[in-house]
Amino acid sequence: MAFFIPKNMEFLPEVIEDYSSSHTEKEPTLLAKLNRETWANVMIPRMLSGHLQGRILSMFSKLISPENIIEIGTYTGYSALCLAEGLKPNGTLHTLDINEEYTSIANRYFKESDFNNNIKQHIGQALDIIPTLACNFQLAFIDADKKNYSNYFDSIIDKMDIGGLIIADNVLWSGKVTKEEKDYEAVALDEYNKKMINSDRVETILLPVRDGLMISRKIK
């Protein structure tokens, strides 16, 4: 399913973005290659997590050292490879998407990576696939169609371990969530943000990184 991606996803001055990137660990060579290919050959390359956000995802994963990760929205596989960096040696990352063209690119890069045996791709509707996954998760990343963010949360929260993190991307939607007049994606994201901050099952922070990362930690 295609969905609109805002053109402007940065809120800080470019000089600050550049300084932040230059003082962040470099992306691995394989990820740099995937970054270049995505921007050169794939539609809507801004859907890619990219260097700074990718290192943030990697850091969260390494801090948790999860046994199982679920990613809703594979795209070309950049974020999955970042998240996989923190997996336990025999851990599994389940990544879900409906677009076989994008995921075929991801599959090529997964095979080139050190995590090929740890990453399991699922093609189809996430809300149909999630109930079939017979494991609990310590880390989740939501980066798919915005209208279903709340549904994705509802479908995974009971599969998350206490202390597990649910990270949702694009929750600022180029600032449109703050506007009185919102497009339908902004309405859905604003509802998700309110759902998280009002839920008694998670504690939440919203990081204004790139287009907004909502970090929710399961507490019950």
N, C-alpha and C. Protein backbone atom coordinates (compact mmCIF):
# COMPACT_ATOMS: atom_id res chain seq x y z
N MET A 1 0.84 -1.19 0.00
CA MET A 1 0.00 0.00 0.00
C MET A 1 0.88 1.25 0.00
N ALA A 2 0.65 2.14 -0.93
CA ALA A 2 1.43 3.37 -0.99
C ALA A 2 0.82 4.40 -0.06
N PHE A 3 1.64 5.26 0.50
CA PHE A 3 1.13 6.35 1.32
C PHE A 3 2.05 7.54 1.18
N PHE A 4 1.50 8.72 1.43
CA PHE A 4 2.23 9.96 1.23
C PHE A 4 3.32 10.14 2.27
N ILE A 5 4.49 10.57 1.81
CA ILE A 5 5.60 10.88 2.71
C ILE A 5 5.89 12.37 2.60
N PRO A 6 5.92 13.09 3.70
CA PRO A 6 6.21 14.52 3.65
C PRO A 6 7.57 14.78 3.02
N LYS A 7 7.67 15.88 2.30
CA LYS A 7 8.94 16.22 1.67
C LYS A 7 9.97 16.69 2.69
N ASN A 8 9.54 17.47 3.66
CA ASN A 8 10.47 18.02 4.63
C ASN A 8 10.37 17.25 5.93
N MET A 9 11.42 16.48 6.26
CA MET A 9 11.37 15.65 7.45
C MET A 9 12.42 16.07 8.46
N GLU A 10 13.06 17.21 8.24
CA GLU A 10 14.05 17.71 9.18
C GLU A 10 13.54 19.00 9.81
N PHE A 11 13.76 19.16 11.11
CA PHE A 11 13.29 20.33 11.82
C PHE A 11 14.43 21.20 12.32
N LEU A 12 15.61 20.63 12.50
CA LEU A 12 16.77 21.38 12.95
C LEU A 12 17.49 22.02 11.76
N PRO A 13 18.23 23.11 12.00
CA PRO A 13 19.02 23.69 10.92
C PRO A 13 19.99 22.67 10.35
N GLU A 14 20.26 22.77 9.06
CA GLU A 14 21.12 21.79 8.39
C GLU A 14 22.48 21.68 9.05
N VAL A 15 23.01 22.81 9.52
CA VAL A 15 24.33 22.79 10.15
C VAL A 15 24.32 21.94 11.42
N ILE A 16 23.20 21.96 12.16
CA ILE A 16 23.08 21.14 13.37
C ILE A 16 22.94 19.67 12.99
N GLU A 17 22.14 19.40 11.96
CA GLU A 17 22.01 18.02 11.48
C GLU A 17 23.37 17.47 11.07
N ASP A 18 24.12 18.27 10.32
CA ASP A 18 25.43 17.82 9.85
C ASP A 18 26.39 17.60 11.02
N TYR A 19 26.36 18.50 11.99
CA TYR A 19 27.23 18.36 13.16
C TYR A 19 26.87 17.09 13.94
N SER A 20 25.57 16.86 14.10
CA SER A 20 25.12 15.66 14.81
C SER A 20 25.59 14.40 14.10
N SER A 21 25.45 14.38 12.78
CA SER A 21 25.86 13.20 12.02
C SER A 21 27.36 12.98 12.09
N SER A 22 28.11 14.08 12.06
CA SER A 22 29.57 13.95 12.07
C SER A 22 30.10 13.51 13.43
N HIS A 23 29.27 13.63 14.47
CA HIS A 23 29.67 13.20 15.80
C HIS A 23 28.87 11.97 16.25
N THR A 24 28.42 11.22 15.26
CA THR A 24 27.72 9.95 15.48
C THR A 24 28.51 8.86 14.78
N GLU A 25 28.54 7.66 15.38
CA GLU A 25 29.24 6.54 14.76
C GLU A 25 28.87 6.41 13.29
N LYS A 26 29.85 6.12 12.44
CA LYS A 26 29.58 5.97 11.02
C LYS A 26 28.70 4.75 10.77
N GLU A 27 27.90 4.81 9.72
CA GLU A 27 27.11 3.65 9.36
C GLU A 27 28.03 2.59 8.75
N PRO A 28 27.78 1.31 9.01
CA PRO A 28 28.59 0.25 8.42
C PRO A 28 28.59 0.34 6.89
N THR A 29 29.62 -0.21 6.28
CA THR A 29 29.81 -0.12 4.83
C THR A 29 28.60 -0.65 4.07
N LEU A 30 28.06 -1.79 4.50
CA LEU A 30 26.91 -2.36 3.81
C LEU A 30 25.71 -1.44 3.86
N LEU A 31 25.49 -0.79 5.00
CA LEU A 31 24.37 0.14 5.12
C LEU A 31 24.58 1.38 4.26
N ALA A 32 25.82 1.84 4.17
CA ALA A 32 26.11 2.98 3.29
C ALA A 32 25.79 2.63 1.84
N LYS A 33 26.12 1.40 1.45
CA LYS A 33 25.82 0.92 0.09
C LYS A 33 24.31 0.87 -0.14
N LEU A 34 23.57 0.34 0.84
CA LEU A 34 22.11 0.27 0.74
C LEU A 34 21.51 1.67 0.70
N ASN A 35 22.05 2.57 1.49
CA ASN A 35 21.60 3.96 1.49
C ASN A 35 21.71 4.55 0.10
N ARG A 36 22.88 4.37 -0.53
CA ARG A 36 23.11 4.94 -1.87
C ARG A 36 22.17 4.31 -2.89
N GLU A 37 22.00 2.98 -2.84
CA GLU A 37 21.13 2.33 -3.83
C GLU A 37 19.69 2.79 -3.68
N THR A 38 19.24 2.91 -2.45
CA THR A 38 17.86 3.34 -2.22
C THR A 38 17.62 4.73 -2.79
N TRP A 39 18.54 5.65 -2.53
CA TRP A 39 18.38 7.01 -3.02
C TRP A 39 18.51 7.09 -4.53
N ALA A 40 19.27 6.18 -5.12
CA ALA A 40 19.49 6.22 -6.57
C ALA A 40 18.37 5.55 -7.36
N ASN A 41 17.76 4.50 -6.79
CA ASN A 41 16.92 3.64 -7.61
C ASN A 41 15.50 3.42 -7.11
N VAL A 42 15.18 3.85 -5.90
CA VAL A 42 13.90 3.48 -5.30
C VAL A 42 13.02 4.71 -5.12
N MET A 43 11.74 4.52 -5.36
CA MET A 43 10.79 5.62 -5.14
C MET A 43 10.72 5.97 -3.65
N ILE A 44 10.50 7.24 -3.38
CA ILE A 44 10.34 7.77 -2.02
C ILE A 44 11.50 7.35 -1.11
N PRO A 45 12.74 7.67 -1.48
CA PRO A 45 13.89 7.24 -0.68
C PRO A 45 13.91 7.83 0.72
N ARG A 46 13.12 8.88 0.96
CA ARG A 46 13.12 9.48 2.29
C ARG A 46 12.47 8.57 3.33
N MET A 47 11.86 7.47 2.86
CA MET A 47 11.34 6.48 3.81
C MET A 47 12.46 5.74 4.52
N LEU A 48 13.66 5.81 3.97
CA LEU A 48 14.82 5.15 4.59
C LEU A 48 15.17 5.81 5.92
N SER A 49 15.49 5.02 6.93
CA SER A 49 15.84 5.59 8.23
C SER A 49 17.07 6.48 8.15
N GLY A 50 18.10 6.02 7.44
CA GLY A 50 19.30 6.83 7.26
C GLY A 50 20.27 6.75 8.43
N HIS A 51 21.38 7.47 8.27
CA HIS A 51 22.52 7.36 9.17
C HIS A 51 22.19 7.62 10.63
N LEU A 52 21.74 8.83 10.96
CA LEU A 52 21.55 9.21 12.36
C LEU A 52 20.46 8.36 13.02
N GLN A 53 19.30 8.28 12.38
CA GLN A 53 18.22 7.49 12.97
C GLN A 53 18.59 6.02 13.03
N GLY A 54 19.30 5.55 12.04
CA GLY A 54 19.73 4.16 12.04
C GLY A 54 20.64 3.83 13.21
N ARG A 55 21.55 4.77 13.52
CA ARG A 55 22.44 4.53 14.67
C ARG A 55 21.66 4.60 15.98
N ILE A 56 20.61 5.40 16.03
CA ILE A 56 19.76 5.44 17.22
C ILE A 56 19.06 4.08 17.40
N LEU A 57 18.52 3.54 16.32
CA LEU A 57 17.87 2.23 16.41
C LEU A 57 18.86 1.16 16.83
N SER A 58 20.05 1.22 16.27
CA SER A 58 21.10 0.26 16.64
C SER A 58 21.43 0.37 18.12
N MET A 59 21.56 1.58 18.62
CA MET A 59 21.92 1.79 20.02
C MET A 59 20.84 1.25 20.96
N PHE A 60 19.57 1.54 20.66
CA PHE A 60 18.49 1.00 21.49
C PHE A 60 18.53 -0.52 21.49
N SER A 61 18.74 -1.11 20.33
CA SER A 61 18.77 -2.56 20.25
C SER A 61 19.94 -3.14 21.04
N LYS A 62 21.09 -2.51 20.95
CA LYS A 62 22.25 -3.00 21.70
C LYS A 62 22.06 -2.85 23.20
N LEU A 63 21.37 -1.80 23.63
CA LEU A 63 21.11 -1.62 25.06
C LEU A 63 20.17 -2.70 25.59
N ILE A 64 19.21 -3.13 24.76
CA ILE A 64 18.24 -4.13 25.20
C ILE A 64 18.76 -5.54 25.01
N SER A 65 19.54 -5.76 23.96
CA SER A 65 20.01 -7.10 23.57
C SER A 65 18.83 -8.06 23.45
N PRO A 66 17.89 -7.76 22.54
CA PRO A 66 16.67 -8.55 22.45
C PRO A 66 16.89 -9.93 21.86
N GLU A 67 16.03 -10.84 22.27
CA GLU A 67 16.01 -12.17 21.68
C GLU A 67 15.15 -12.17 20.42
N ASN A 68 14.07 -11.36 20.46
CA ASN A 68 13.17 -11.27 19.31
C ASN A 68 12.78 -9.81 19.07
N ILE A 69 12.82 -9.43 17.82
CA ILE A 69 12.41 -8.09 17.38
C ILE A 69 11.32 -8.24 16.34
N ILE A 70 10.34 -7.34 16.37
CA ILE A 70 9.37 -7.28 15.29
C ILE A 70 9.45 -5.90 14.65
N GLU A 71 9.51 -5.88 13.34
CA GLU A 71 9.53 -4.64 12.57
C GLU A 71 8.35 -4.65 11.62
N ILE A 72 7.51 -3.63 11.72
CA ILE A 72 6.34 -3.51 10.84
C ILE A 72 6.66 -2.44 9.81
N GLY A 73 7.01 -2.87 8.61
CA GLY A 73 7.45 -1.99 7.55
C GLY A 73 8.93 -2.21 7.25
N THR A 74 9.24 -3.03 6.26
CA THR A 74 10.62 -3.38 5.94
C THR A 74 11.29 -2.34 5.06
N TYR A 75 10.55 -1.85 4.05
CA TYR A 75 11.07 -0.99 2.99
C TYR A 75 12.29 -1.69 2.38
N THR A 76 13.44 -1.06 2.27
CA THR A 76 14.59 -1.71 1.64
C THR A 76 15.54 -2.36 2.65
N GLY A 77 15.15 -2.41 3.90
CA GLY A 77 15.88 -3.22 4.87
C GLY A 77 16.89 -2.49 5.74
N TYR A 78 17.01 -1.17 5.58
CA TYR A 78 18.03 -0.42 6.34
C TYR A 78 17.78 -0.51 7.84
N SER A 79 16.57 -0.21 8.26
CA SER A 79 16.28 -0.20 9.70
C SER A 79 16.39 -1.60 10.29
N ALA A 80 15.99 -2.63 9.53
CA ALA A 80 16.11 -4.00 10.03
C ALA A 80 17.55 -4.36 10.32
N LEU A 81 18.45 -3.98 9.42
CA LEU A 81 19.87 -4.28 9.62
C LEU A 81 20.42 -3.52 10.83
N CYS A 82 19.93 -2.30 11.05
CA CYS A 82 20.36 -1.54 12.24
C CYS A 82 19.87 -2.22 13.51
N LEU A 83 18.61 -2.60 13.54
CA LEU A 83 18.04 -3.25 14.72
C LEU A 83 18.69 -4.59 14.99
N ALA A 84 19.04 -5.31 13.93
CA ALA A 84 19.63 -6.64 14.09
C ALA A 84 20.99 -6.59 14.77
N GLU A 85 21.65 -5.44 14.76
CA GLU A 85 22.98 -5.32 15.37
C GLU A 85 22.97 -5.64 16.87
N GLY A 86 21.82 -5.47 17.52
CA GLY A 86 21.75 -5.71 18.96
C GLY A 86 21.18 -7.06 19.35
N LEU A 87 20.77 -7.85 18.36
CA LEU A 87 20.18 -9.15 18.67
C LEU A 87 21.13 -10.06 19.44
N LYS A 88 20.55 -10.88 20.30
CA LYS A 88 21.34 -11.97 20.88
C LYS A 88 21.82 -12.88 19.74
N PRO A 89 22.92 -13.60 19.93
CA PRO A 89 23.50 -14.40 18.84
C PRO A 89 22.51 -15.30 18.12
N ASN A 90 21.59 -15.90 18.83
CA ASN A 90 20.60 -16.77 18.20
C ASN A 90 19.23 -16.12 18.11
N GLY A 91 19.19 -14.78 18.20
CA GLY A 91 17.94 -14.07 18.17
C GLY A 91 17.36 -13.98 16.77
N THR A 92 16.10 -13.52 16.70
CA THR A 92 15.39 -13.42 15.42
C THR A 92 14.73 -12.06 15.29
N LEU A 93 14.85 -11.49 14.12
CA LEU A 93 14.12 -10.28 13.77
C LEU A 93 13.09 -10.64 12.72
N HIS A 94 11.82 -10.44 13.05
CA HIS A 94 10.73 -10.65 12.11
C HIS A 94 10.38 -9.31 11.48
N THR A 95 10.52 -9.19 10.16
CA THR A 95 10.21 -7.94 9.49
C THR A 95 9.08 -8.16 8.50
N LEU A 96 8.06 -7.30 8.55
CA LEU A 96 6.80 -7.49 7.82
C LEU A 96 6.58 -6.35 6.83
N ASP A 97 6.17 -6.70 5.63
CA ASP A 97 5.86 -5.69 4.62
C ASP A 97 4.97 -6.32 3.56
N ILE A 98 4.28 -5.47 2.79
CA ILE A 98 3.42 -5.97 1.73
C ILE A 98 4.01 -5.73 0.35
N ASN A 99 5.10 -4.97 0.27
CA ASN A 99 5.66 -4.58 -1.02
C ASN A 99 6.82 -5.50 -1.40
N GLU A 100 6.59 -6.38 -2.35
CA GLU A 100 7.61 -7.36 -2.73
C GLU A 100 8.78 -6.73 -3.48
N GLU A 101 8.53 -5.60 -4.16
CA GLU A 101 9.62 -4.93 -4.88
C GLU A 101 10.66 -4.39 -3.90
N TYR A 102 10.20 -3.67 -2.88
CA TYR A 102 11.11 -3.14 -1.88
C TYR A 102 11.79 -4.25 -1.09
N THR A 103 11.00 -5.25 -0.70
CA THR A 103 11.55 -6.29 0.16
C THR A 103 12.52 -7.20 -0.58
N SER A 104 12.44 -7.23 -1.92
CA SER A 104 13.42 -8.00 -2.68
C SER A 104 14.79 -7.35 -2.59
N ILE A 105 14.82 -6.02 -2.53
CA ILE A 105 16.08 -5.30 -2.31
C ILE A 105 16.60 -5.61 -0.91
N ALA A 106 15.70 -5.54 0.06
CA ALA A 106 16.09 -5.85 1.44
C ALA A 106 16.68 -7.25 1.53
N ASN A 107 16.07 -8.21 0.87
CA ASN A 107 16.54 -9.58 0.94
C ASN A 107 17.96 -9.72 0.42
N ARG A 108 18.30 -9.00 -0.63
CA ARG A 108 19.67 -9.04 -1.17
C ARG A 108 20.67 -8.58 -0.12
N TYR A 109 20.33 -7.50 0.57
CA TYR A 109 21.24 -6.95 1.56
C TYR A 109 21.28 -7.80 2.82
N PHE A 110 20.15 -8.41 3.18
CA PHE A 110 20.16 -9.32 4.32
C PHE A 110 21.13 -10.47 4.06
N LYS A 111 21.13 -10.98 2.83
CA LYS A 111 22.00 -12.10 2.48
C LYS A 111 23.48 -11.70 2.53
N GLU A 112 23.77 -10.43 2.27
CA GLU A 112 25.15 -9.94 2.33
C GLU A 112 25.61 -9.67 3.75
N SER A 113 24.68 -9.57 4.68
CA SER A 113 24.99 -9.14 6.04
C SER A 113 25.38 -10.31 6.92
N ASP A 114 25.79 -9.99 8.14
CA ASP A 114 26.10 -11.02 9.13
C ASP A 114 24.83 -11.56 9.79
N PHE A 115 23.66 -11.01 9.41
CA PHE A 115 22.42 -11.35 10.12
C PHE A 115 21.44 -12.14 9.26
N ASN A 116 21.93 -12.68 8.14
CA ASN A 116 21.02 -13.38 7.23
C ASN A 116 20.25 -14.50 7.93
N ASN A 117 20.91 -15.21 8.83
CA ASN A 117 20.24 -16.32 9.53
C ASN A 117 19.35 -15.84 10.67
N ASN A 118 19.44 -14.54 11.00
CA ASN A 118 18.66 -14.01 12.11
C ASN A 118 17.42 -13.26 11.66
N ILE A 119 17.34 -12.93 10.38
CA ILE A 119 16.24 -12.10 9.88
C ILE A 119 15.25 -12.96 9.11
N LYS A 120 14.00 -12.88 9.49
CA LYS A 120 12.93 -13.61 8.80
C LYS A 120 11.96 -12.61 8.20
N GLN A 121 11.83 -12.65 6.88
CA GLN A 121 10.93 -11.75 6.18
C GLN A 121 9.54 -12.36 6.05
N HIS A 122 8.52 -11.52 6.23
CA HIS A 122 7.13 -11.93 6.05
C HIS A 122 6.49 -10.95 5.07
N ILE A 123 5.87 -11.47 4.02
CA ILE A 123 5.21 -10.64 3.02
C ILE A 123 3.71 -10.79 3.17
N GLY A 124 3.03 -9.68 3.40
CA GLY A 124 1.58 -9.71 3.56
C GLY A 124 1.12 -8.64 4.53
N GLN A 125 -0.14 -8.69 4.88
CA GLN A 125 -0.73 -7.72 5.79
C GLN A 125 -0.25 -7.99 7.21
N ALA A 126 0.35 -6.98 7.83
CA ALA A 126 0.92 -7.17 9.17
C ALA A 126 -0.11 -7.61 10.18
N LEU A 127 -1.31 -7.06 10.10
CA LEU A 127 -2.34 -7.40 11.08
C LEU A 127 -2.80 -8.85 10.96
N ASP A 128 -2.57 -9.46 9.80
CA ASP A 128 -2.86 -10.88 9.62
C ASP A 128 -1.69 -11.75 10.09
N ILE A 129 -0.48 -11.24 9.91
CA ILE A 129 0.72 -12.03 10.21
C ILE A 129 1.03 -12.04 11.70
N ILE A 130 0.88 -10.90 12.37
CA ILE A 130 1.29 -10.79 13.77
C ILE A 130 0.70 -11.87 14.67
N PRO A 131 -0.60 -12.18 14.56
CA PRO A 131 -1.16 -13.23 15.44
C PRO A 131 -0.55 -14.61 15.21
N THR A 132 0.10 -14.82 14.07
CA THR A 132 0.68 -16.14 13.78
C THR A 132 2.09 -16.29 14.34
N LEU A 133 2.68 -15.22 14.86
CA LEU A 133 4.05 -15.27 15.36
C LEU A 133 4.04 -15.79 16.80
N ALA A 134 4.62 -16.95 17.01
CA ALA A 134 4.53 -17.63 18.31
C ALA A 134 5.73 -17.32 19.18
N CYS A 135 5.93 -16.04 19.44
CA CYS A 135 7.03 -15.65 20.34
C CYS A 135 6.70 -14.30 20.95
N ASN A 136 7.40 -13.96 22.02
CA ASN A 136 7.31 -12.63 22.60
C ASN A 136 8.46 -11.78 22.09
N PHE A 137 8.28 -10.47 22.17
CA PHE A 137 9.27 -9.54 21.65
C PHE A 137 9.76 -8.61 22.75
N GLN A 138 11.01 -8.19 22.61
CA GLN A 138 11.60 -7.23 23.53
C GLN A 138 11.79 -5.86 22.86
N LEU A 139 11.63 -5.84 21.53
CA LEU A 139 11.79 -4.59 20.78
C LEU A 139 10.89 -4.65 19.55
N ALA A 140 10.20 -3.54 19.29
CA ALA A 140 9.34 -3.42 18.12
C ALA A 140 9.59 -2.08 17.44
N PHE A 141 9.51 -2.09 16.12
CA PHE A 141 9.66 -0.85 15.35
C PHE A 141 8.49 -0.76 14.38
N ILE A 142 7.71 0.31 14.49
CA ILE A 142 6.55 0.52 13.63
C ILE A 142 6.87 1.64 12.64
N ASP A 143 6.84 1.31 11.35
CA ASP A 143 7.14 2.29 10.31
C ASP A 143 6.43 1.87 9.03
N ALA A 144 5.10 1.81 9.10
CA ALA A 144 4.30 1.37 7.96
C ALA A 144 3.17 2.38 7.73
N ASP A 145 2.04 1.92 7.19
CA ASP A 145 0.94 2.84 6.91
C ASP A 145 0.45 3.48 8.21
N LYS A 146 0.33 4.80 8.17
CA LYS A 146 0.11 5.57 9.39
C LYS A 146 -1.28 5.34 9.98
N LYS A 147 -2.26 5.06 9.14
CA LYS A 147 -3.63 4.91 9.65
C LYS A 147 -3.75 3.72 10.60
N ASN A 148 -2.83 2.77 10.51
CA ASN A 148 -2.92 1.56 11.32
C ASN A 148 -1.98 1.55 12.53
N TYR A 149 -1.30 2.66 12.81
CA TYR A 149 -0.37 2.66 13.93
C TYR A 149 -1.03 2.18 15.23
N SER A 150 -2.20 2.71 15.52
CA SER A 150 -2.89 2.30 16.76
C SER A 150 -3.26 0.82 16.72
N ASN A 151 -3.67 0.33 15.54
CA ASN A 151 -4.00 -1.08 15.41
C ASN A 151 -2.75 -1.95 15.58
N TYR A 152 -1.62 -1.48 15.05
CA TYR A 152 -0.38 -2.24 15.21
C TYR A 152 0.01 -2.33 16.69
N PHE A 153 -0.13 -1.22 17.39
CA PHE A 153 0.16 -1.24 18.83
C PHE A 153 -0.72 -2.26 19.54
N ASP A 154 -2.01 -2.21 19.26
CA ASP A 154 -2.95 -3.13 19.91
C ASP A 154 -2.60 -4.59 19.59
N SER A 155 -2.09 -4.83 18.39
CA SER A 155 -1.81 -6.21 17.98
C SER A 155 -0.52 -6.77 18.58
N ILE A 156 0.40 -5.88 18.99
CA ILE A 156 1.68 -6.37 19.51
C ILE A 156 1.87 -6.20 21.01
N ILE A 157 1.08 -5.35 21.66
CA ILE A 157 1.36 -5.01 23.05
C ILE A 157 1.34 -6.26 23.95
N ASP A 158 0.43 -7.20 23.70
CA ASP A 158 0.38 -8.40 24.54
C ASP A 158 1.51 -9.37 24.22
N LYS A 159 2.19 -9.16 23.10
CA LYS A 159 3.35 -9.99 22.73
C LYS A 159 4.66 -9.37 23.19
N MET A 160 4.60 -8.18 23.78
CA MET A 160 5.81 -7.51 24.25
C MET A 160 6.10 -7.93 25.69
N ASP A 161 7.36 -8.20 25.99
CA ASP A 161 7.77 -8.45 27.37
C ASP A 161 7.71 -7.16 28.17
N ILE A 162 7.51 -7.27 29.47
CA ILE A 162 7.61 -6.11 30.34
C ILE A 162 9.02 -5.53 30.19
N GLY A 163 9.10 -4.23 30.02
CA GLY A 163 10.37 -3.56 29.78
C GLY A 163 10.73 -3.44 28.31
N GLY A 164 9.95 -4.11 27.44
CA GLY A 164 10.22 -4.03 26.01
C GLY A 164 9.87 -2.66 25.44
N LEU A 165 10.54 -2.30 24.36
CA LEU A 165 10.34 -1.00 23.73
C LEU A 165 9.57 -1.13 22.43
N ILE A 166 8.61 -0.23 22.24
CA ILE A 166 7.92 -0.06 20.96
C ILE A 166 8.33 1.31 20.41
N ILE A 167 9.00 1.31 19.29
CA ILE A 167 9.46 2.55 18.66
C ILE A 167 8.63 2.79 17.42
N ALA A 168 8.04 3.98 17.31
CA ALA A 168 7.23 4.33 16.15
C ALA A 168 7.84 5.52 15.43
N ASP A 169 7.96 5.42 14.12
CA ASP A 169 8.60 6.46 13.31
C ASP A 169 7.56 7.40 12.72
N ASN A 170 8.02 8.59 12.33
CA ASN A 170 7.21 9.59 11.60
C ASN A 170 6.07 10.17 12.42
N VAL A 171 6.19 10.17 13.76
CA VAL A 171 5.06 10.60 14.58
C VAL A 171 4.86 12.11 14.61
N LEU A 172 5.78 12.86 14.04
CA LEU A 172 5.59 14.31 13.93
C LEU A 172 5.02 14.71 12.56
N TRP A 173 5.27 13.86 11.56
CA TRP A 173 4.70 14.06 10.21
C TRP A 173 4.93 15.48 9.71
N SER A 174 6.21 15.84 9.71
CA SER A 174 6.63 17.18 9.28
C SER A 174 5.91 18.30 10.04
N GLY A 175 5.58 18.03 11.30
CA GLY A 175 4.93 19.03 12.13
C GLY A 175 3.44 19.13 11.93
N LYS A 176 2.90 18.34 11.00
CA LYS A 176 1.47 18.45 10.70
C LYS A 176 0.59 17.99 11.86
N VAL A 177 1.14 17.18 12.76
CA VAL A 177 0.34 16.75 13.92
C VAL A 177 0.01 17.93 14.83
N THR A 178 0.74 19.02 14.72
CA THR A 178 0.49 20.19 15.57
C THR A 178 -0.50 21.17 14.95
N LYS A 179 -0.86 20.97 13.70
CA LYS A 179 -1.72 21.91 12.99
C LYS A 179 -3.19 21.66 13.31
N GLU A 180 -3.97 22.73 13.26
CA GLU A 180 -5.41 22.58 13.47
C GLU A 180 -6.03 21.79 12.32
N GLU A 181 -5.58 22.10 11.09
CA GLU A 181 -6.05 21.36 9.91
C GLU A 181 -5.03 20.28 9.59
N LYS A 182 -5.44 19.03 9.67
CA LYS A 182 -4.53 17.90 9.49
C LYS A 182 -4.97 17.04 8.32
N ASP A 183 -3.99 16.47 7.59
CA ASP A 183 -4.34 15.44 6.62
C ASP A 183 -4.65 14.15 7.38
N TYR A 184 -5.13 13.12 6.65
CA TYR A 184 -5.61 11.94 7.36
C TYR A 184 -4.48 11.19 8.05
N GLU A 185 -3.26 11.26 7.49
CA GLU A 185 -2.14 10.61 8.17
C GLU A 185 -1.82 11.32 9.47
N ALA A 186 -1.84 12.66 9.44
CA ALA A 186 -1.56 13.43 10.65
C ALA A 186 -2.61 13.17 11.73
N VAL A 187 -3.86 13.03 11.31
CA VAL A 187 -4.92 12.72 12.27
C VAL A 187 -4.64 11.37 12.94
N ALA A 188 -4.28 10.36 12.13
CA ALA A 188 -4.00 9.03 12.67
C ALA A 188 -2.79 9.04 13.60
N LEU A 189 -1.77 9.78 13.23
CA LEU A 189 -0.56 9.85 14.05
C LEU A 189 -0.81 10.61 15.35
N ASP A 190 -1.59 11.68 15.26
CA ASP A 190 -1.94 12.42 16.47
C ASP A 190 -2.74 11.54 17.43
N GLU A 191 -3.62 10.73 16.87
CA GLU A 191 -4.39 9.79 17.70
C GLU A 191 -3.46 8.77 18.35
N TYR A 192 -2.48 8.29 17.58
CA TYR A 192 -1.52 7.33 18.14
C TYR A 192 -0.71 7.97 19.26
N ASN A 193 -0.22 9.18 19.04
CA ASN A 193 0.59 9.86 20.06
C ASN A 193 -0.21 10.05 21.34
N LYS A 194 -1.46 10.44 21.21
CA LYS A 194 -2.32 10.62 22.38
C LYS A 194 -2.61 9.28 23.06
N LYS A 195 -2.79 8.25 22.26
CA LYS A 195 -3.03 6.91 22.80
C LYS A 195 -1.85 6.47 23.66
N MET A 196 -0.63 6.74 23.17
CA MET A 196 0.56 6.32 23.91
C MET A 196 0.71 7.08 25.22
N ILE A 197 0.55 8.39 25.18
CA ILE A 197 0.79 9.18 26.38
C ILE A 197 -0.31 8.95 27.43
N ASN A 198 -1.47 8.48 26.97
CA ASN A 198 -2.57 8.23 27.91
C ASN A 198 -2.71 6.77 28.32
N SER A 199 -1.87 5.90 27.73
CA SER A 199 -1.95 4.47 28.07
C SER A 199 -1.30 4.21 29.42
N ASP A 200 -1.92 3.34 30.21
CA ASP A 200 -1.31 2.96 31.48
C ASP A 200 -0.43 1.72 31.33
N ARG A 201 -0.27 1.24 30.09
CA ARG A 201 0.53 0.04 29.85
C ARG A 201 1.96 0.38 29.41
N VAL A 202 2.20 1.65 29.07
CA VAL A 202 3.53 2.05 28.61
C VAL A 202 3.90 3.40 29.22
N GLU A 203 5.21 3.65 29.31
CA GLU A 203 5.70 4.99 29.58
C GLU A 203 6.37 5.47 28.30
N THR A 204 6.19 6.75 27.97
CA THR A 204 6.47 7.21 26.62
C THR A 204 7.26 8.51 26.59
N ILE A 205 8.16 8.59 25.63
CA ILE A 205 8.79 9.86 25.28
C ILE A 205 8.73 10.02 23.77
N LEU A 206 8.62 11.27 23.32
CA LEU A 206 8.65 11.56 21.89
C LEU A 206 9.93 12.32 21.60
N LEU A 207 10.80 11.72 20.81
CA LEU A 207 12.08 12.33 20.45
C LEU A 207 11.92 13.07 19.11
N PRO A 208 12.22 14.38 19.08
CA PRO A 208 12.11 15.13 17.83
C PRO A 208 13.33 14.90 16.93
N VAL A 209 13.59 13.63 16.64
CA VAL A 209 14.67 13.25 15.74
C VAL A 209 14.08 13.01 14.37
N ARG A 210 14.67 13.65 13.36
CA ARG A 210 14.19 13.53 12.00
C ARG A 210 12.70 13.82 11.96
N ASP A 211 11.83 12.84 11.69
CA ASP A 211 10.39 13.11 11.62
C ASP A 211 9.66 12.64 12.86
N GLY A 212 10.42 12.43 13.96
CA GLY A 212 9.80 12.07 15.22
C GLY A 212 9.83 10.59 15.51
N LEU A 213 10.43 10.22 16.64
CA LEU A 213 10.45 8.83 17.10
C LEU A 213 9.73 8.76 18.45
N MET A 214 8.68 7.98 18.52
CA MET A 214 7.97 7.76 19.76
C MET A 214 8.50 6.48 20.40
N ILE A 215 9.04 6.62 21.60
CA ILE A 215 9.61 5.48 22.32
C ILE A 215 8.68 5.15 23.49
N SER A 216 8.09 3.96 23.44
CA SER A 216 7.16 3.53 24.49
C SER A 216 7.66 2.25 25.13
N ARG A 217 7.82 2.27 26.45
CA ARG A 217 8.33 1.12 27.19
C ARG A 217 7.18 0.46 27.94
N LYS A 218 7.00 -0.83 27.70
CA LYS A 218 5.90 -1.55 28.33
C LYS A 218 6.15 -1.69 29.84
N ILE A 219 5.16 -1.29 30.63
CA ILE A 219 5.30 -1.39 32.08
C ILE A 219 4.27 -2.35 32.70
N LYS A 220 3.23 -2.69 31.92
CA LYS A 220 2.28 -3.70 32.41
C LYS A 220 1.40 -4.20 31.27
